[in-house]
Amino acid sequence: MKPNTLLIIPPAPYMTSDRAFPPLGILYVGTYLKKNNIPVKILDLTGESKWLDIFKREFYKNIPSYMGITATTPDMPIVMRILKEAKKKSPKTPSLS
């Protein structure tokens, strides 16, 4: 079975609109993986008030082999919550942010 990858775009509640600037870097990574026949899912949590519940549902439904999160410095508290939740359920899933 091929490893599957979950790429996450965290919410940015400090911005007026966290959908104003698309995170092209992580989208390029997702495109590269797809082109190389590596299963990938992109989870866009921007604009979601219940983002942690959405993350848990998606993560628990299909625990990924790998996980990547795009982030800027102000995103780090949310990214750390996502990583903490992921490590509770799957401590061996490698993650990069």
Protein backbone atom coordinates (compact mmCIF):
# COMPACT_ATOMS: atom_id res chain seq x y z
CA MET A 1 0.00 0.00 0.00
CA LYS A 2 1.33 3.41 -0.99
CA PRO A 3 1.86 5.95 1.76
CA ASN A 4 -0.75 8.65 1.87
CA THR A 5 -0.11 12.27 2.72
CA LEU A 6 -2.31 14.88 4.36
CA LEU A 7 -1.41 18.50 3.62
CA ILE A 8 -3.03 21.09 5.86
CA ILE A 9 -3.75 24.77 5.39
CA PRO A 10 -4.48 26.11 8.89
CA PRO A 11 -6.93 28.91 9.61
CA ALA A 12 -5.57 32.39 10.19
CA PRO A 13 -8.16 34.08 12.42
CA TYR A 14 -5.88 37.10 12.91
CA MET A 15 -6.43 38.10 9.27
CA THR A 16 -9.46 39.94 7.95
CA SER A 17 -9.79 37.19 5.35
CA ASP A 18 -7.59 34.14 5.66
CA ARG A 19 -8.54 33.16 2.13
CA ALA A 20 -7.09 36.33 0.59
CA PHE A 21 -3.66 34.80 -0.06
CA PRO A 22 -3.71 31.23 -1.36
CA PRO A 23 -0.85 29.12 0.05
CA LEU A 24 0.78 28.22 -3.25
CA GLY A 25 3.75 26.38 -1.74
CA ILE A 26 1.73 23.57 -0.18
CA LEU A 27 -0.47 23.40 -3.28
CA TYR A 28 2.66 22.91 -5.41
CA VAL A 29 3.74 20.08 -3.08
CA GLY A 30 0.30 18.48 -3.43
CA THR A 31 0.45 18.74 -7.21
CA TYR A 32 3.92 17.17 -7.28
CA LEU A 33 2.77 14.25 -5.14
CA LYS A 34 -0.31 13.66 -7.31
CA LYS A 35 1.78 13.75 -10.49
CA ASN A 36 4.02 11.09 -8.96
CA ASN A 37 1.06 8.88 -8.05
CA ILE A 38 1.35 9.46 -4.32
CA PRO A 39 -2.08 9.68 -2.66
CA VAL A 40 -2.55 13.14 -1.17
CA LYS A 41 -5.39 15.04 0.44
CA ILE A 42 -5.34 18.79 1.00
CA LEU A 43 -7.32 19.92 4.01
CA ASP A 44 -8.12 23.64 3.80
CA LEU A 45 -9.19 24.89 7.22
CA THR A 46 -9.27 28.57 6.32
CA GLY A 47 -12.48 30.34 7.14
CA GLU A 48 -13.65 27.49 9.40
CA SER A 49 -14.77 28.33 12.94
CA LYS A 50 -14.77 24.65 14.00
CA TRP A 51 -11.45 23.89 12.34
CA LEU A 52 -10.23 21.51 15.06
CA ASP A 53 -13.35 19.33 14.76
CA ILE A 54 -12.95 19.26 10.97
CA PHE A 55 -9.29 18.29 11.32
CA LYS A 56 -10.05 15.50 13.81
CA ARG A 57 -12.79 14.05 11.60
CA GLU A 58 -10.55 13.99 8.52
CA PHE A 59 -7.45 12.79 10.36
CA TYR A 60 -9.22 10.00 12.25
CA LYS A 61 -11.08 8.84 9.13
CA ASN A 62 -7.83 8.04 7.33
CA ILE A 63 -4.69 8.44 9.42
CA PRO A 64 -2.00 9.58 7.00
CA SER A 65 1.46 8.13 6.58
CA TYR A 66 2.81 11.68 6.36
CA MET A 67 1.46 15.10 7.21
CA GLY A 68 2.57 18.57 6.12
CA ILE A 69 1.32 21.93 7.35
CA THR A 70 1.95 25.30 5.77
CA ALA A 71 2.46 28.07 8.31
CA THR A 72 3.76 31.52 9.04
CA THR A 73 4.89 32.62 12.50
CA PRO A 74 1.42 33.84 13.63
CA ASP A 75 -0.05 30.45 12.62
CA MET A 76 2.16 28.49 15.03
CA PRO A 77 -0.25 28.28 18.01
CA ILE A 78 -2.89 26.70 15.76
CA VAL A 79 -0.32 24.47 14.06
CA MET A 80 0.86 23.25 17.46
CA ARG A 81 -2.74 22.36 18.42
CA ILE A 82 -3.10 20.41 15.18
CA LEU A 83 0.18 18.56 15.77
CA LYS A 84 -0.71 17.80 19.39
CA GLU A 85 -4.04 16.31 18.32
CA ALA A 86 -2.38 14.29 15.54
CA LYS A 87 0.28 12.91 17.88
CA LYS A 88 -2.41 11.77 20.37
CA LYS A 89 -4.00 9.53 17.76
CA SER A 90 -0.93 8.62 15.71
CA PRO A 91 2.38 9.31 17.46
CA LYS A 92 4.42 7.79 14.64
CA THR A 93 3.02 9.89 11.78
CA PRO A 94 5.90 12.11 10.61
CA SER A 95 4.92 15.74 10.19
CA LEU A 96 6.58 18.80 8.72
CA SER A 97 5.52 22.38 9.18
